[in-house]
Amino acid sequence: MEEIALLIKAKYAGNISEMSSYMSVVIQTSIVLIGGIVLWRMSNVIHKKKLAQRSRNEFFDTAYSKGWKRK
C-alpha cells in the first residue's frame, strides 16, 4: 500500500512526468547512436567495395610501373 501511495504522490508532485521526458531523451539518444553505428558500418562496407574495384583495374599497369612498385 505504501508503494501505491508513493506513486500517487510522485504523480501529483510532477516527478513522474519528468521521468517520462527523461526516458524519452534516453530512447532518442540510443536510437541516434544505433542509427549512427549502422550508417557508419554501411559506409565502411561501400568504401571497401570501391577500393576492391579500383585495385582490380589493370588499365594503367605497364611493365615499367610493375618494376618500381613494391607489391
PDB file of N, CA and C in Angstrom:
ATOM      1  N   MET A   1       0.806  -1.205   0.000  1.00  0.00           N
ATOM      2  CA  MET A   1       0.000   0.000   0.000  1.00  0.00           C
ATOM      3  C   MET A   1       0.846   1.263   0.000  1.00  0.00           C
ATOM      4  N   GLU A   2       1.977   1.213   0.683  1.00  0.00           N
ATOM      5  CA  GLU A   2       2.827   2.395   0.755  1.00  0.00           C
ATOM      6  C   GLU A   2       3.400   2.739  -0.620  1.00  0.00           C
ATOM      7  N   GLU A   3       3.692   1.706  -1.420  1.00  0.00           N
ATOM      8  CA  GLU A   3       4.255   1.954  -2.751  1.00  0.00           C
ATOM      9  C   GLU A   3       3.250   2.672  -3.645  1.00  0.00           C
ATOM     10  N   ILE A   4       1.996   2.267  -3.543  1.00  0.00           N
ATOM     11  CA  ILE A   4       0.959   2.920  -4.341  1.00  0.00           C
ATOM     12  C   ILE A   4       0.802   4.369  -3.912  1.00  0.00           C
ATOM     13  N   ALA A   5       0.856   4.604  -2.613  1.00  0.00           N
ATOM     14  CA  ALA A   5       0.739   5.964  -2.103  1.00  0.00           C
ATOM     15  C   ALA A   5       1.916   6.824  -2.572  1.00  0.00           C
ATOM     16  N   LEU A   6       3.101   6.232  -2.582  1.00  0.00           N
ATOM     17  CA  LEU A   6       4.268   6.976  -3.058  1.00  0.00           C
ATOM     18  C   LEU A   6       4.145   7.300  -4.544  1.00  0.00           C
ATOM     19  N   LEU A   7       3.626   6.362  -5.338  1.00  0.00           N
ATOM     20  CA  LEU A   7       3.437   6.621  -6.764  1.00  0.00           C
ATOM     21  C   LEU A   7       2.409   7.722  -6.999  1.00  0.00           C
ATOM     22  N   ILE A   8       1.349   7.717  -6.217  1.00  0.00           N
ATOM     23  CA  ILE A   8       0.324   8.759  -6.365  1.00  0.00           C
ATOM     24  C   ILE A   8       0.903  10.118  -5.987  1.00  0.00           C
ATOM     25  N   LYS A   9       1.659  10.170  -4.905  1.00  0.00           N
ATOM     26  CA  LYS A   9       2.289  11.435  -4.503  1.00  0.00           C
ATOM     27  C   LYS A   9       3.279  11.912  -5.564  1.00  0.00           C
ATOM     28  N   ALA A  10       4.035  10.970  -6.128  1.00  0.00           N
ATOM     29  CA  ALA A  10       5.015  11.336  -7.151  1.00  0.00           C
ATOM     30  C   ALA A  10       4.322  11.866  -8.396  1.00  0.00           C
ATOM     31  N   LYS A  11       3.172  11.268  -8.734  1.00  0.00           N
ATOM     32  CA  LYS A  11       2.456  11.732  -9.924  1.00  0.00           C
ATOM     33  C   LYS A  11       1.947  13.151  -9.730  1.00  0.00           C
ATOM     34  N   TYR A  12       1.394  13.432  -8.606  1.00  0.00           N
ATOM     35  CA  TYR A  12       0.848  14.768  -8.385  1.00  0.00           C
ATOM     36  C   TYR A  12       1.940  15.798  -8.107  1.00  0.00           C
ATOM     37  N   ALA A  13       3.118  15.353  -7.693  1.00  0.00           N
ATOM     38  CA  ALA A  13       4.223  16.285  -7.466  1.00  0.00           C
ATOM     39  C   ALA A  13       4.932  16.617  -8.779  1.00  0.00           C
ATOM     40  N   GLY A  14       4.682  15.828  -9.819  1.00  0.00           N
ATOM     41  CA  GLY A  14       5.290  16.101 -11.118  1.00  0.00           C
ATOM     42  C   GLY A  14       6.543  15.296 -11.389  1.00  0.00           C
ATOM     43  N   ASN A  15       6.928  14.421 -10.472  1.00  0.00           N
ATOM     44  CA  ASN A  15       8.152  13.645 -10.670  1.00  0.00           C
ATOM     45  C   ASN A  15       8.006  12.613 -11.786  1.00  0.00           C
ATOM     46  N   ILE A  16       6.831  12.053 -11.938  1.00  0.00           N
ATOM     47  CA  ILE A  16       6.635  11.035 -12.964  1.00  0.00           C
ATOM     48  C   ILE A  16       6.673  11.652 -14.357  1.00  0.00           C
ATOM     49  N   SER A  17       6.123  12.850 -14.509  1.00  0.00           N
ATOM     50  CA  SER A  17       6.157  13.488 -15.825  1.00  0.00           C
ATOM     51  C   SER A  17       7.594  13.828 -16.231  1.00  0.00           C
ATOM     52  N   GLU A  18       8.424  14.208 -15.271  1.00  0.00           N
ATOM     53  CA  GLU A  18       9.834  14.444 -15.565  1.00  0.00           C
ATOM     54  C   GLU A  18      10.522  13.145 -15.952  1.00  0.00           C
ATOM     55  N   MET A  19      10.157  12.073 -15.300  1.00  0.00           N
ATOM     56  CA  MET A  19      10.767  10.780 -15.593  1.00  0.00           C
ATOM     57  C   MET A  19      10.429  10.338 -17.014  1.00  0.00           C
ATOM     58  N   SER A  20       9.210  10.591 -17.463  1.00  0.00           N
ATOM     59  CA  SER A  20       8.851  10.197 -18.821  1.00  0.00           C
ATOM     60  C   SER A  20       9.623  11.014 -19.855  1.00  0.00           C
ATOM     61  N   SER A  21       9.869  12.284 -19.579  1.00  0.00           N
ATOM     62  CA  SER A  21      10.664  13.089 -20.511  1.00  0.00           C
ATOM     63  C   SER A  21      12.117  12.623 -20.504  1.00  0.00           C
ATOM     64  N   TYR A  22      12.640  12.248 -19.347  1.00  0.00           N
ATOM     65  CA  TYR A  22      13.998  11.714 -19.290  1.00  0.00           C
ATOM     66  C   TYR A  22      14.102  10.409 -20.076  1.00  0.00           C
ATOM     67  N   MET A  23      13.110   9.558 -19.946  1.00  0.00           N
ATOM     68  CA  MET A  23      13.115   8.287 -20.673  1.00  0.00           C
ATOM     69  C   MET A  23      13.013   8.545 -22.176  1.00  0.00           C
ATOM     70  N   SER A  24      12.249   9.534 -22.569  1.00  0.00           N
ATOM     71  CA  SER A  24      12.138   9.885 -23.980  1.00  0.00           C
ATOM     72  C   SER A  24      13.491  10.326 -24.533  1.00  0.00           C
ATOM     73  N   VAL A  25      14.209  11.136 -23.777  1.00  0.00           N
ATOM     74  CA  VAL A  25      15.532  11.591 -24.211  1.00  0.00           C
ATOM     75  C   VAL A  25      16.498  10.413 -24.296  1.00  0.00           C
ATOM     76  N   VAL A  26      16.448   9.510 -23.342  1.00  0.00           N
ATOM     77  CA  VAL A  26      17.326   8.338 -23.353  1.00  0.00           C
ATOM     78  C   VAL A  26      17.021   7.455 -24.554  1.00  0.00           C
ATOM     79  N   ILE A  27      15.763   7.256 -24.854  1.00  0.00           N
ATOM     80  CA  ILE A  27      15.384   6.428 -26.004  1.00  0.00           C
ATOM     81  C   ILE A  27      15.833   7.088 -27.311  1.00  0.00           C
ATOM     82  N   GLN A  28      15.623   8.382 -27.439  1.00  0.00           N
ATOM     83  CA  GLN A  28      16.052   9.086 -28.649  1.00  0.00           C
ATOM     84  C   GLN A  28      17.566   9.033 -28.816  1.00  0.00           C
ATOM     85  N   THR A  29      18.285   9.187 -27.720  1.00  0.00           N
ATOM     86  CA  THR A  29      19.741   9.134 -27.768  1.00  0.00           C
ATOM     87  C   THR A  29      20.227   7.769 -28.211  1.00  0.00           C
ATOM     88  N   SER A  30      19.617   6.726 -27.683  1.00  0.00           N
ATOM     89  CA  SER A  30      20.043   5.378 -28.064  1.00  0.00           C
ATOM     90  C   SER A  30      19.701   5.083 -29.522  1.00  0.00           C
ATOM     91  N   ILE A  31      18.568   5.577 -30.011  1.00  0.00           N
ATOM     92  CA  ILE A  31      18.206   5.369 -31.424  1.00  0.00           C
ATOM     93  C   ILE A  31      19.193   6.092 -32.336  1.00  0.00           C
ATOM     94  N   VAL A  32      19.562   7.323 -31.982  1.00  0.00           N
ATOM     95  CA  VAL A  32      20.526   8.070 -32.794  1.00  0.00           C
ATOM     96  C   VAL A  32      21.886   7.374 -32.777  1.00  0.00           C
ATOM     97  N   LEU A  33      22.292   6.870 -31.635  1.00  0.00           N
ATOM     98  CA  LEU A  33      23.571   6.181 -31.519  1.00  0.00           C
ATOM     99  C   LEU A  33      23.597   4.908 -32.361  1.00  0.00           C
ATOM    100  N   ILE A  34      22.557   4.107 -32.251  1.00  0.00           N
ATOM    101  CA  ILE A  34      22.485   2.855 -33.019  1.00  0.00           C
ATOM    102  C   ILE A  34      22.395   3.160 -34.513  1.00  0.00           C
ATOM    103  N   GLY A  35      21.602   4.160 -34.888  1.00  0.00           N
ATOM    104  CA  GLY A  35      21.497   4.542 -36.291  1.00  0.00           C
ATOM    105  C   GLY A  35      22.825   5.034 -36.850  1.00  0.00           C
ATOM    106  N   GLY A  36      23.564   5.789 -36.064  1.00  0.00           N
ATOM    107  CA  GLY A  36      24.877   6.261 -36.486  1.00  0.00           C
ATOM    108  C   GLY A  36      25.861   5.127 -36.691  1.00  0.00           C
ATOM    109  N   ILE A  37      25.826   4.149 -35.792  1.00  0.00           N
ATOM    110  CA  ILE A  37      26.710   2.988 -35.939  1.00  0.00           C
ATOM    111  C   ILE A  37      26.353   2.194 -37.187  1.00  0.00           C
ATOM    112  N   VAL A  38      25.064   2.018 -37.455  1.00  0.00           N
ATOM    113  CA  VAL A  38      24.639   1.280 -38.653  1.00  0.00           C
ATOM    114  C   VAL A  38      25.075   2.018 -39.916  1.00  0.00           C
ATOM    115  N   LEU A  39      24.873   3.333 -39.961  1.00  0.00           N
ATOM    116  CA  LEU A  39      25.293   4.105 -41.129  1.00  0.00           C
ATOM    117  C   LEU A  39      26.807   4.073 -41.311  1.00  0.00           C
ATOM    118  N   TRP A  40      27.544   4.125 -40.221  1.00  0.00           N
ATOM    119  CA  TRP A  40      28.992   4.065 -40.276  1.00  0.00           C
ATOM    120  C   TRP A  40      29.464   2.730 -40.852  1.00  0.00           C
ATOM    121  N   ARG A  41      28.849   1.628 -40.395  1.00  0.00           N
ATOM    122  CA  ARG A  41      29.219   0.302 -40.896  1.00  0.00           C
ATOM    123  C   ARG A  41      28.867   0.166 -42.382  1.00  0.00           C
ATOM    124  N   MET A  42      27.712   0.667 -42.795  1.00  0.00           N
ATOM    125  CA  MET A  42      27.328   0.600 -44.206  1.00  0.00           C
ATOM    126  C   MET A  42      28.297   1.404 -45.069  1.00  0.00           C
ATOM    127  N   SER A  43      28.691   2.576 -44.592  1.00  0.00           N
ATOM    128  CA  SER A  43      29.650   3.399 -45.315  1.00  0.00           C
ATOM    129  C   SER A  43      30.987   2.685 -45.438  1.00  0.00           C
ATOM    130  N   ASN A  44      31.385   2.001 -44.392  1.00  0.00           N
ATOM    131  CA  ASN A  44      32.638   1.258 -44.407  1.00  0.00           C
ATOM    132  C   ASN A  44      32.600   0.130 -45.435  1.00  0.00           C
ATOM    133  N   VAL A  45      31.485  -0.582 -45.518  1.00  0.00           N
ATOM    134  CA  VAL A  45      31.341  -1.676 -46.486  1.00  0.00           C
ATOM    135  C   VAL A  45      31.386  -1.130 -47.912  1.00  0.00           C
ATOM    136  N   ILE A  46      30.683  -0.041 -48.163  1.00  0.00           N
ATOM    137  CA  ILE A  46      30.673   0.553 -49.503  1.00  0.00           C
ATOM    138  C   ILE A  46      32.076   1.034 -49.890  1.00  0.00           C
ATOM    139  N   HIS A  47      32.775   1.621 -48.946  1.00  0.00           N
ATOM    140  CA  HIS A  47      34.133   2.100 -49.223  1.00  0.00           C
ATOM    141  C   HIS A  47      35.072   0.936 -49.551  1.00  0.00           C
ATOM    142  N   LYS A  48      34.951  -0.163 -48.839  1.00  0.00           N
ATOM    143  CA  LYS A  48      35.795  -1.326 -49.114  1.00  0.00           C
ATOM    144  C   LYS A  48      35.490  -1.909 -50.493  1.00  0.00           C
ATOM    145  N   LYS A  49      34.226  -1.893 -50.907  1.00  0.00           N
ATOM    146  CA  LYS A  49      33.877  -2.387 -52.239  1.00  0.00           C
ATOM    147  C   LYS A  49      34.495  -1.499 -53.315  1.00  0.00           C
ATOM    148  N   LYS A  50      34.475  -0.181 -53.103  1.00  0.00           N
ATOM    149  CA  LYS A  50      35.073   0.736 -54.077  1.00  0.00           C
ATOM    150  C   LYS A  50      36.574   0.512 -54.183  1.00  0.00           C
ATOM    151  N   LEU A  51      37.230   0.306 -53.045  1.00  0.00           N
ATOM    152  CA  LEU A  51      38.668   0.056 -53.066  1.00  0.00           C
ATOM    153  C   LEU A  51      38.986  -1.253 -53.778  1.00  0.00           C
ATOM    154  N   ALA A  52      38.156  -2.260 -53.596  1.00  0.00           N
ATOM    155  CA  ALA A  52      38.378  -3.538 -54.257  1.00  0.00           C
ATOM    156  C   ALA A  52      38.225  -3.403 -55.769  1.00  0.00           C
ATOM    157  N   GLN A  53      37.261  -2.611 -56.210  1.00  0.00           N
ATOM    158  CA  GLN A  53      37.074  -2.413 -57.643  1.00  0.00           C
ATOM    159  C   GLN A  53      38.246  -1.639 -58.243  1.00  0.00           C
ATOM    160  N   ARG A  54      38.769  -0.683 -57.525  1.00  0.00           N
ATOM    161  CA  ARG A  54      39.893   0.105 -58.037  1.00  0.00           C
ATOM    162  C   ARG A  54      41.156  -0.740 -58.121  1.00  0.00           C
ATOM    163  N   SER A  55      41.358  -1.626 -57.187  1.00  0.00           N
ATOM    164  CA  SER A  55      42.576  -2.418 -57.202  1.00  0.00           C
ATOM    165  C   SER A  55      42.560  -3.445 -58.331  1.00  0.00           C
ATOM    166  N   ARG A  56      41.394  -3.840 -58.803  1.00  0.00           N
ATOM    167  CA  ARG A  56      41.299  -4.801 -59.899  1.00  0.00           C
ATOM    168  C   ARG A  56      41.549  -4.165 -61.260  1.00  0.00           C
ATOM    169  N   ASN A  57      41.466  -2.854 -61.342  1.00  0.00           N
ATOM    170  CA  ASN A  57      41.629  -2.168 -62.617  1.00  0.00           C
ATOM    171  C   ASN A  57      43.102  -2.198 -63.018  1.00  0.00           C
ATOM    172  N   GLU A  58      43.423  -2.890 -64.096  1.00  0.00           N
ATOM    173  CA  GLU A  58      44.808  -3.043 -64.533  1.00  0.00           C
ATOM    174  C   GLU A  58      45.095  -2.236 -65.796  1.00  0.00           C
ATOM    175  N   PHE A  59      44.318  -1.217 -66.046  1.00  0.00           N
ATOM    176  CA  PHE A  59      44.483  -0.416 -67.257  1.00  0.00           C
ATOM    177  C   PHE A  59      45.821   0.313 -67.269  1.00  0.00           C
ATOM    178  N   PHE A  60      46.211   0.847 -66.121  1.00  0.00           N
ATOM    179  CA  PHE A  60      47.423   1.648 -66.048  1.00  0.00           C
ATOM    180  C   PHE A  60      48.664   0.826 -65.684  1.00  0.00           C
ATOM    181  N   ASP A  61      48.545  -0.469 -65.551  1.00  0.00           N
ATOM    182  CA  ASP A  61      49.701  -1.296 -65.244  1.00  0.00           C
ATOM    183  C   ASP A  61      50.545  -1.504 -66.499  1.00  0.00           C
ATOM    184  N   THR A  62      51.770  -1.095 -66.415  1.00  0.00           N
ATOM    185  CA  THR A  62      52.712  -1.306 -67.515  1.00  0.00           C
ATOM    186  C   THR A  62      53.917  -2.064 -66.968  1.00  0.00           C
ATOM    187  N   ALA A  63      54.791  -2.446 -67.858  1.00  0.00           N
ATOM    188  CA  ALA A  63      55.992  -3.162 -67.418  1.00  0.00           C
ATOM    189  C   ALA A  63      56.845  -2.252 -66.526  1.00  0.00           C
ATOM    190  N   TYR A  64      56.902  -0.954 -66.873  1.00  0.00           N
ATOM    191  CA  TYR A  64      57.688  -0.014 -66.064  1.00  0.00           C
ATOM    192  C   TYR A  64      57.077   0.167 -64.668  1.00  0.00           C
ATOM    193  N   SER A  65      55.758   0.357 -64.612  1.00  0.00           N
ATOM    194  CA  SER A  65      55.130   0.593 -63.311  1.00  0.00           C
ATOM    195  C   SER A  65      55.167  -0.656 -62.437  1.00  0.00           C
ATOM    196  N   LYS A  66      55.143  -1.818 -63.025  1.00  0.00           N
ATOM    197  CA  LYS A  66      55.238  -3.036 -62.236  1.00  0.00           C
ATOM    198  C   LYS A  66      56.635  -3.201 -61.665  1.00  0.00           C
ATOM    199  N   GLY A  67      57.640  -2.642 -62.327  1.00  0.00           N
ATOM    200  CA  GLY A  67      59.008  -2.767 -61.853  1.00  0.00           C
ATOM    201  C   GLY A  67      59.303  -1.887 -60.642  1.00  0.00           C
ATOM    202  N   TRP A  68      58.726  -0.692 -60.561  1.00  0.00           N
ATOM    203  CA  TRP A  68      59.075   0.195 -59.453  1.00  0.00           C
ATOM    204  C   TRP A  68      58.109   0.113 -58.288  1.00  0.00           C
ATOM    205  N   LYS A  69      56.950  -0.478 -58.475  1.00  0.00           N
ATOM    206  CA  LYS A  69      56.024  -0.617 -57.362  1.00  0.00           C
ATOM    207  C   LYS A  69      56.420  -1.801 -56.493  1.00  0.00           C
ATOM    208  N   ARG A  70      56.300  -1.614 -55.214  1.00  0.00           N
ATOM    209  CA  ARG A  70      56.559  -2.729 -54.294  1.00  0.00           C
ATOM    210  C   ARG A  70      55.235  -3.405 -54.006  1.00  0.00           C
ATOM    211  N   LYS A  71      55.140  -4.633 -54.410  1.00  0.00           N
ATOM    212  CA  LYS A  71      53.889  -5.350 -54.173  1.00  0.00           C
ATOM    213  C   LYS A  71      54.104  -6.500 -53.232  1.00  0.00           C
TER     214      LYS A  71
END
